[in-house]
Amino acid sequence: MKFVLAGARFAQPLSFPNAAAAAAHPLAAQIFATGGVYNVFMVQDFVTVNKLPDVDWTGLIAQLQPMLECFDAQRGPV
């Protein structure tokens, strides 16, 4: 699922294939902490989240949307 942000928030593409790889990045770590996520990709003005097949998008989006809106409102790191 692709989440578009209000503006560029990432100076370079960031890819996190698992929670361990995301541990040092606050937003990516928070996304993985929701459970059921297997990959996060961030570039310029969007974040792409891939989920495991048995995870429902509705519940996951309900957790991710406020998290990403807060990050975007705080004009997260560039």
PDB file of N, CA and C in Angstrom:
ATOM      1  N   MET A   1       0.858  -1.163   0.000  1.00  0.00           N
ATOM      2  CA  MET A   1       0.000   0.000   0.000  1.00  0.00           C
ATOM      3  C   MET A   1       0.901   1.222   0.000  1.00  0.00           C
ATOM      4  N   LYS A   2       0.576   2.173  -0.839  1.00  0.00           N
ATOM      5  CA  LYS A   2       1.367   3.389  -0.972  1.00  0.00           C
ATOM      6  C   LYS A   2       0.661   4.521  -0.225  1.00  0.00           C
ATOM      7  N   PHE A   3       1.393   5.179   0.666  1.00  0.00           N
ATOM      8  CA  PHE A   3       0.886   6.325   1.419  1.00  0.00           C
ATOM      9  C   PHE A   3       1.651   7.553   0.943  1.00  0.00           C
ATOM     10  N   VAL A   4       0.939   8.516   0.381  1.00  0.00           N
ATOM     11  CA  VAL A   4       1.567   9.722  -0.154  1.00  0.00           C
ATOM     12  C   VAL A   4       1.592  10.800   0.933  1.00  0.00           C
ATOM     13  N   LEU A   5       2.745  11.403   1.125  1.00  0.00           N
ATOM     14  CA  LEU A   5       2.932  12.452   2.117  1.00  0.00           C
ATOM     15  C   LEU A   5       2.762  13.820   1.468  1.00  0.00           C
ATOM     16  N   ALA A   6       2.670  14.860   2.293  1.00  0.00           N
ATOM     17  CA  ALA A   6       2.418  16.210   1.781  1.00  0.00           C
ATOM     18  C   ALA A   6       3.598  16.801   1.018  1.00  0.00           C
ATOM     19  N   GLY A   7       4.780  16.281   1.244  1.00  0.00           N
ATOM     20  CA  GLY A   7       5.963  16.789   0.560  1.00  0.00           C
ATOM     21  C   GLY A   7       7.111  15.819   0.743  1.00  0.00           C
ATOM     22  N   ALA A   8       8.236  16.147   0.159  1.00  0.00           N
ATOM     23  CA  ALA A   8       9.413  15.280   0.259  1.00  0.00           C
ATOM     24  C   ALA A   8       9.878  15.197   1.707  1.00  0.00           C
ATOM     25  N   ARG A   9      10.020  13.991   2.207  1.00  0.00           N
ATOM     26  CA  ARG A   9      10.448  13.764   3.591  1.00  0.00           C
ATOM     27  C   ARG A   9      11.726  12.936   3.675  1.00  0.00           C
ATOM     28  N   PHE A  10      12.158  12.373   2.552  1.00  0.00           N
ATOM     29  CA  PHE A  10      13.318  11.483   2.558  1.00  0.00           C
ATOM     30  C   PHE A  10      14.306  11.941   1.489  1.00  0.00           C
ATOM     31  N   ALA A  11      15.518  12.230   1.912  1.00  0.00           N
ATOM     32  CA  ALA A  11      16.544  12.735   0.996  1.00  0.00           C
ATOM     33  C   ALA A  11      17.025  11.655   0.033  1.00  0.00           C
ATOM     34  N   GLN A  12      16.910  10.406   0.452  1.00  0.00           N
ATOM     35  CA  GLN A  12      17.323   9.287  -0.397  1.00  0.00           C
ATOM     36  C   GLN A  12      16.375   8.126  -0.151  1.00  0.00           C
ATOM     37  N   PRO A  13      16.254   7.208  -1.095  1.00  0.00           N
ATOM     38  CA  PRO A  13      15.380   6.052  -0.890  1.00  0.00           C
ATOM     39  C   PRO A  13      15.861   5.206   0.296  1.00  0.00           C
ATOM     40  N   LEU A  14      14.905   4.737   1.071  1.00  0.00           N
ATOM     41  CA  LEU A  14      15.191   3.878   2.218  1.00  0.00           C
ATOM     42  C   LEU A  14      14.371   2.604   2.077  1.00  0.00           C
ATOM     43  N   SER A  15      15.009   1.476   2.235  1.00  0.00           N
ATOM     44  CA  SER A  15      14.321   0.200   2.122  1.00  0.00           C
ATOM     45  C   SER A  15      14.629  -0.640   3.355  1.00  0.00           C
ATOM     46  N   PHE A  16      13.575  -1.167   3.969  1.00  0.00           N
ATOM     47  CA  PHE A  16      13.710  -1.983   5.172  1.00  0.00           C
ATOM     48  C   PHE A  16      13.034  -3.323   4.925  1.00  0.00           C
ATOM     49  N   PRO A  17      13.809  -4.385   4.725  1.00  0.00           N
ATOM     50  CA  PRO A  17      13.233  -5.693   4.416  1.00  0.00           C
ATOM     51  C   PRO A  17      12.698  -6.446   5.634  1.00  0.00           C
ATOM     52  N   ASN A  18      12.986  -5.928   6.828  1.00  0.00           N
ATOM     53  CA  ASN A  18      12.491  -6.589   8.040  1.00  0.00           C
ATOM     54  C   ASN A  18      12.628  -5.630   9.224  1.00  0.00           C
ATOM     55  N   ALA A  19      12.074  -6.042  10.365  1.00  0.00           N
ATOM     56  CA  ALA A  19      12.083  -5.201  11.561  1.00  0.00           C
ATOM     57  C   ALA A  19      13.499  -4.925  12.060  1.00  0.00           C
ATOM     58  N   ALA A  20      14.383  -5.896  11.960  1.00  0.00           N
ATOM     59  CA  ALA A  20      15.764  -5.698  12.419  1.00  0.00           C
ATOM     60  C   ALA A  20      16.451  -4.589  11.621  1.00  0.00           C
ATOM     61  N   ALA A  21      16.227  -4.562  10.328  1.00  0.00           N
ATOM     62  CA  ALA A  21      16.825  -3.532   9.476  1.00  0.00           C
ATOM     63  C   ALA A  21      16.234  -2.153   9.768  1.00  0.00           C
ATOM     64  N   ALA A  22      14.998  -2.132  10.269  1.00  0.00           N
ATOM     65  CA  ALA A  22      14.303  -0.875  10.544  1.00  0.00           C
ATOM     66  C   ALA A  22      14.540  -0.343  11.948  1.00  0.00           C
ATOM     67  N   ALA A  23      15.205  -1.090  12.779  1.00  0.00           N
ATOM     68  CA  ALA A  23      15.338  -0.751  14.198  1.00  0.00           C
ATOM     69  C   ALA A  23      15.898   0.651  14.458  1.00  0.00           C
ATOM     70  N   ALA A  24      16.793   1.118  13.633  1.00  0.00           N
ATOM     71  CA  ALA A  24      17.417   2.428  13.854  1.00  0.00           C
ATOM     72  C   ALA A  24      16.619   3.589  13.265  1.00  0.00           C
ATOM     73  N   HIS A  25      15.563   3.296  12.524  1.00  0.00           N
ATOM     74  CA  HIS A  25      14.752   4.358  11.920  1.00  0.00           C
ATOM     75  C   HIS A  25      13.411   4.416  12.657  1.00  0.00           C
ATOM     76  N   PRO A  26      13.131   5.504  13.382  1.00  0.00           N
ATOM     77  CA  PRO A  26      11.926   5.552  14.223  1.00  0.00           C
ATOM     78  C   PRO A  26      10.618   5.249  13.504  1.00  0.00           C
ATOM     79  N   LEU A  27      10.393   5.844  12.339  1.00  0.00           N
ATOM     80  CA  LEU A  27       9.132   5.601  11.635  1.00  0.00           C
ATOM     81  C   LEU A  27       9.051   4.171  11.136  1.00  0.00           C
ATOM     82  N   ALA A  28      10.094   3.675  10.507  1.00  0.00           N
ATOM     83  CA  ALA A  28      10.080   2.306   9.995  1.00  0.00           C
ATOM     84  C   ALA A  28       9.896   1.304  11.130  1.00  0.00           C
ATOM     85  N   ALA A  29      10.565   1.518  12.252  1.00  0.00           N
ATOM     86  CA  ALA A  29      10.424   0.627  13.399  1.00  0.00           C
ATOM     87  C   ALA A  29       8.993   0.637  13.918  1.00  0.00           C
ATOM     88  N   GLN A  30       8.384   1.810  13.941  1.00  0.00           N
ATOM     89  CA  GLN A  30       7.000   1.934  14.397  1.00  0.00           C
ATOM     90  C   GLN A  30       6.052   1.201  13.448  1.00  0.00           C
ATOM     91  N   ILE A  31       6.304   1.287  12.160  1.00  0.00           N
ATOM     92  CA  ILE A  31       5.471   0.586  11.170  1.00  0.00           C
ATOM     93  C   ILE A  31       5.579  -0.926  11.372  1.00  0.00           C
ATOM     94  N   PHE A  32       6.785  -1.437  11.527  1.00  0.00           N
ATOM     95  CA  PHE A  32       6.964  -2.877  11.749  1.00  0.00           C
ATOM     96  C   PHE A  32       6.321  -3.327  13.060  1.00  0.00           C
ATOM     97  N   ALA A  33       6.298  -2.457  14.055  1.00  0.00           N
ATOM     98  CA  ALA A  33       5.725  -2.807  15.359  1.00  0.00           C
ATOM     99  C   ALA A  33       4.221  -3.052  15.293  1.00  0.00           C
ATOM    100  N   THR A  34       3.568  -2.616  14.233  1.00  0.00           N
ATOM    101  CA  THR A  34       2.131  -2.869  14.101  1.00  0.00           C
ATOM    102  C   THR A  34       1.851  -4.354  13.894  1.00  0.00           C
ATOM    103  N   GLY A  35       2.853  -5.079  13.390  1.00  0.00           N
ATOM    104  CA  GLY A  35       2.695  -6.515  13.147  1.00  0.00           C
ATOM    105  C   GLY A  35       2.147  -6.778  11.757  1.00  0.00           C
ATOM    106  N   GLY A  36       2.576  -7.859  11.162  1.00  0.00           N
ATOM    107  CA  GLY A  36       2.074  -8.255   9.861  1.00  0.00           C
ATOM    108  C   GLY A  36       2.722  -7.575   8.673  1.00  0.00           C
ATOM    109  N   VAL A  37       3.700  -6.718   8.924  1.00  0.00           N
ATOM    110  CA  VAL A  37       4.398  -6.002   7.847  1.00  0.00           C
ATOM    111  C   VAL A  37       5.690  -6.748   7.536  1.00  0.00           C
ATOM    112  N   TYR A  38       5.996  -6.909   6.243  1.00  0.00           N
ATOM    113  CA  TYR A  38       7.248  -7.591   5.902  1.00  0.00           C
ATOM    114  C   TYR A  38       8.230  -6.722   5.127  1.00  0.00           C
ATOM    115  N   ASN A  39       7.837  -5.519   4.698  1.00  0.00           N
ATOM    116  CA  ASN A  39       8.744  -4.651   3.970  1.00  0.00           C
ATOM    117  C   ASN A  39       8.226  -3.221   4.015  1.00  0.00           C
ATOM    118  N   VAL A  40       9.139  -2.259   4.163  1.00  0.00           N
ATOM    119  CA  VAL A  40       8.790  -0.836   4.130  1.00  0.00           C
ATOM    120  C   VAL A  40       9.780  -0.145   3.208  1.00  0.00           C
ATOM    121  N   PHE A  41       9.254   0.687   2.321  1.00  0.00           N
ATOM    122  CA  PHE A  41      10.074   1.436   1.374  1.00  0.00           C
ATOM    123  C   PHE A  41       9.669   2.894   1.469  1.00  0.00           C
ATOM    124  N   MET A  42      10.643   3.777   1.614  1.00  0.00           N
ATOM    125  CA  MET A  42      10.381   5.214   1.730  1.00  0.00           C
ATOM    126  C   MET A  42      11.206   5.943   0.682  1.00  0.00           C
ATOM    127  N   VAL A  43      10.553   6.813  -0.047  1.00  0.00           N
ATOM    128  CA  VAL A  43      11.274   7.611  -1.042  1.00  0.00           C
ATOM    129  C   VAL A  43      10.544   8.942  -1.245  1.00  0.00           C
ATOM    130  N   GLN A  44      11.293   9.998  -1.231  1.00  0.00           N
ATOM    131  CA  GLN A  44      10.803  11.356  -1.427  1.00  0.00           C
ATOM    132  C   GLN A  44       9.519  11.628  -0.653  1.00  0.00           C
ATOM    133  N   ASP A  45       8.364  11.521  -1.308  1.00  0.00           N
ATOM    134  CA  ASP A  45       7.101  11.911  -0.671  1.00  0.00           C
ATOM    135  C   ASP A  45       6.123  10.755  -0.472  1.00  0.00           C
ATOM    136  N   PHE A  46       6.623   9.543  -0.373  1.00  0.00           N
ATOM    137  CA  PHE A  46       5.707   8.436  -0.096  1.00  0.00           C
ATOM    138  C   PHE A  46       6.370   7.312   0.679  1.00  0.00           C
ATOM    139  N   VAL A  47       5.505   6.522   1.292  1.00  0.00           N
ATOM    140  CA  VAL A  47       5.919   5.338   2.046  1.00  0.00           C
ATOM    141  C   VAL A  47       5.102   4.171   1.505  1.00  0.00           C
ATOM    142  N   THR A  48       5.777   3.094   1.144  1.00  0.00           N
ATOM    143  CA  THR A  48       5.100   1.885   0.693  1.00  0.00           C
ATOM    144  C   THR A  48       5.277   0.814   1.759  1.00  0.00           C
ATOM    145  N   VAL A  49       4.152   0.198   2.127  1.00  0.00           N
ATOM    146  CA  VAL A  49       4.157  -0.849   3.145  1.00  0.00           C
ATOM    147  C   VAL A  49       3.630  -2.128   2.508  1.00  0.00           C
ATOM    148  N   ASN A  50       4.367  -3.208   2.664  1.00  0.00           N
ATOM    149  CA  ASN A  50       3.924  -4.528   2.206  1.00  0.00           C
ATOM    150  C   ASN A  50       3.563  -5.360   3.427  1.00  0.00           C
ATOM    151  N   LYS A  51       2.446  -6.055   3.344  1.00  0.00           N
ATOM    152  CA  LYS A  51       1.956  -6.850   4.466  1.00  0.00           C
ATOM    153  C   LYS A  51       2.025  -8.337   4.151  1.00  0.00           C
ATOM    154  N   LEU A  52       1.940  -9.125   5.191  1.00  0.00           N
ATOM    155  CA  LEU A  52       1.856 -10.574   5.022  1.00  0.00           C
ATOM    156  C   LEU A  52       0.473 -10.930   4.474  1.00  0.00           C
ATOM    157  N   PRO A  53       0.351 -12.021   3.720  1.00  0.00           N
ATOM    158  CA  PRO A  53      -0.916 -12.373   3.076  1.00  0.00           C
ATOM    159  C   PRO A  53      -2.102 -12.539   4.029  1.00  0.00           C
ATOM    160  N   ASP A  54      -1.857 -13.002   5.243  1.00  0.00           N
ATOM    161  CA  ASP A  54      -2.974 -13.260   6.151  1.00  0.00           C
ATOM    162  C   ASP A  54      -3.392 -12.044   6.975  1.00  0.00           C
ATOM    163  N   VAL A  55      -2.782 -10.880   6.736  1.00  0.00           N
ATOM    164  CA  VAL A  55      -3.110  -9.656   7.472  1.00  0.00           C
ATOM    165  C   VAL A  55      -4.121  -8.848   6.668  1.00  0.00           C
ATOM    166  N   ASP A  56      -5.143  -8.357   7.349  1.00  0.00           N
ATOM    167  CA  ASP A  56      -6.204  -7.575   6.726  1.00  0.00           C
ATOM    168  C   ASP A  56      -5.765  -6.117   6.543  1.00  0.00           C
ATOM    169  N   TRP A  57      -5.950  -5.586   5.355  1.00  0.00           N
ATOM    170  CA  TRP A  57      -5.557  -4.194   5.099  1.00  0.00           C
ATOM    171  C   TRP A  57      -6.336  -3.214   5.959  1.00  0.00           C
ATOM    172  N   THR A  58      -7.609  -3.469   6.167  1.00  0.00           N
ATOM    173  CA  THR A  58      -8.449  -2.518   6.901  1.00  0.00           C
ATOM    174  C   THR A  58      -7.876  -2.226   8.285  1.00  0.00           C
ATOM    175  N   GLY A  59      -7.558  -3.265   9.026  1.00  0.00           N
ATOM    176  CA  GLY A  59      -7.005  -3.081  10.361  1.00  0.00           C
ATOM    177  C   GLY A  59      -5.619  -2.452  10.334  1.00  0.00           C
ATOM    178  N   LEU A  60      -4.822  -2.844   9.367  1.00  0.00           N
ATOM    179  CA  LEU A  60      -3.462  -2.316   9.268  1.00  0.00           C
ATOM    180  C   LEU A  60      -3.484  -0.826   8.901  1.00  0.00           C
ATOM    181  N   ILE A  61      -4.314  -0.459   7.949  1.00  0.00           N
ATOM    182  CA  ILE A  61      -4.424   0.949   7.549  1.00  0.00           C
ATOM    183  C   ILE A  61      -4.897   1.795   8.719  1.00  0.00           C
ATOM    184  N   ALA A  62      -5.818   1.263   9.509  1.00  0.00           N
ATOM    185  CA  ALA A  62      -6.316   1.996  10.676  1.00  0.00           C
ATOM    186  C   ALA A  62      -5.188   2.317  11.658  1.00  0.00           C
ATOM    187  N   GLN A  63      -4.172   1.485  11.720  1.00  0.00           N
ATOM    188  CA  GLN A  63      -3.013   1.739  12.581  1.00  0.00           C
ATOM    189  C   GLN A  63      -1.991   2.646  11.898  1.00  0.00           C
ATOM    190  N   LEU A  64      -1.777   2.431  10.618  1.00  0.00           N
ATOM    191  CA  LEU A  64      -0.734   3.164   9.894  1.00  0.00           C
ATOM    192  C   LEU A  64      -1.111   4.604   9.574  1.00  0.00           C
ATOM    193  N   GLN A  65      -2.350   4.836   9.204  1.00  0.00           N
ATOM    194  CA  GLN A  65      -2.760   6.166   8.753  1.00  0.00           C
ATOM    195  C   GLN A  65      -2.472   7.252   9.789  1.00  0.00           C
ATOM    196  N   PRO A  66      -2.889   7.096  11.052  1.00  0.00           N
ATOM    197  CA  PRO A  66      -2.585   8.150  12.031  1.00  0.00           C
ATOM    198  C   PRO A  66      -1.081   8.320  12.279  1.00  0.00           C
ATOM    199  N   MET A  67      -0.359   7.227  12.255  1.00  0.00           N
ATOM    200  CA  MET A  67       1.081   7.250  12.460  1.00  0.00           C
ATOM    201  C   MET A  67       1.764   8.073  11.360  1.00  0.00           C
ATOM    202  N   LEU A  68       1.368   7.825  10.120  1.00  0.00           N
ATOM    203  CA  LEU A  68       1.970   8.532   8.987  1.00  0.00           C
ATOM    204  C   LEU A  68       1.507   9.983   8.926  1.00  0.00           C
ATOM    205  N   GLU A  69       0.274  10.236   9.307  1.00  0.00           N
ATOM    206  CA  GLU A  69      -0.212  11.625   9.343  1.00  0.00           C
ATOM    207  C   GLU A  69       0.558  12.440  10.379  1.00  0.00           C
ATOM    208  N   CYS A  70       0.838  11.839  11.524  1.00  0.00           N
ATOM    209  CA  CYS A  70       1.616  12.514  12.567  1.00  0.00           C
ATOM    210  C   CYS A  70       3.035  12.795  12.077  1.00  0.00           C
ATOM    211  N   PHE A  71       3.669  11.808  11.463  1.00  0.00           N
ATOM    212  CA  PHE A  71       5.005  11.969  10.911  1.00  0.00           C
ATOM    213  C   PHE A  71       5.018  13.092   9.890  1.00  0.00           C
ATOM    214  N   ASP A  72       4.014  13.109   9.019  1.00  0.00           N
ATOM    215  CA  ASP A  72       3.927  14.105   7.967  1.00  0.00           C
ATOM    216  C   ASP A  72       3.698  15.496   8.562  1.00  0.00           C
ATOM    217  N   ALA A  73       2.817  15.594   9.546  1.00  0.00           N
ATOM    218  CA  ALA A  73       2.508  16.884  10.184  1.00  0.00           C
ATOM    219  C   ALA A  73       3.732  17.468  10.890  1.00  0.00           C
ATOM    220  N   GLN A  74       4.561  16.588  11.420  1.00  0.00           N
ATOM    221  CA  GLN A  74       5.774  17.045  12.095  1.00  0.00           C
ATOM    222  C   GLN A  74       6.898  17.314  11.101  1.00  0.00           C
ATOM    223  N   ARG A  75       6.565  17.163   9.824  1.00  0.00           N
ATOM    224  CA  ARG A  75       7.517  17.363   8.736  1.00  0.00           C
ATOM    225  C   ARG A  75       8.763  16.526   8.987  1.00  0.00           C
ATOM    226  N   GLY A  76       8.523  15.225   9.194  1.00  0.00           N
ATOM    227  CA  GLY A  76       9.567  14.237   9.468  1.00  0.00           C
ATOM    228  C   GLY A  76      10.885  14.489   8.773  1.00  0.00           C
ATOM    229  N   PRO A  77      11.878  13.713   9.091  1.00  0.00           N
ATOM    230  CA  PRO A  77      13.235  13.964   8.600  1.00  0.00           C
ATOM    231  C   PRO A  77      13.390  13.983   7.090  1.00  0.00           C
ATOM    232  N   VAL A  78      14.312  14.802   6.662  1.00  0.00           N
ATOM    233  CA  VAL A  78      14.694  14.828   5.248  1.00  0.00           C
ATOM    234  C   VAL A  78      16.166  14.506   5.178  1.00  0.00           C
TER     235      VAL A  78
END
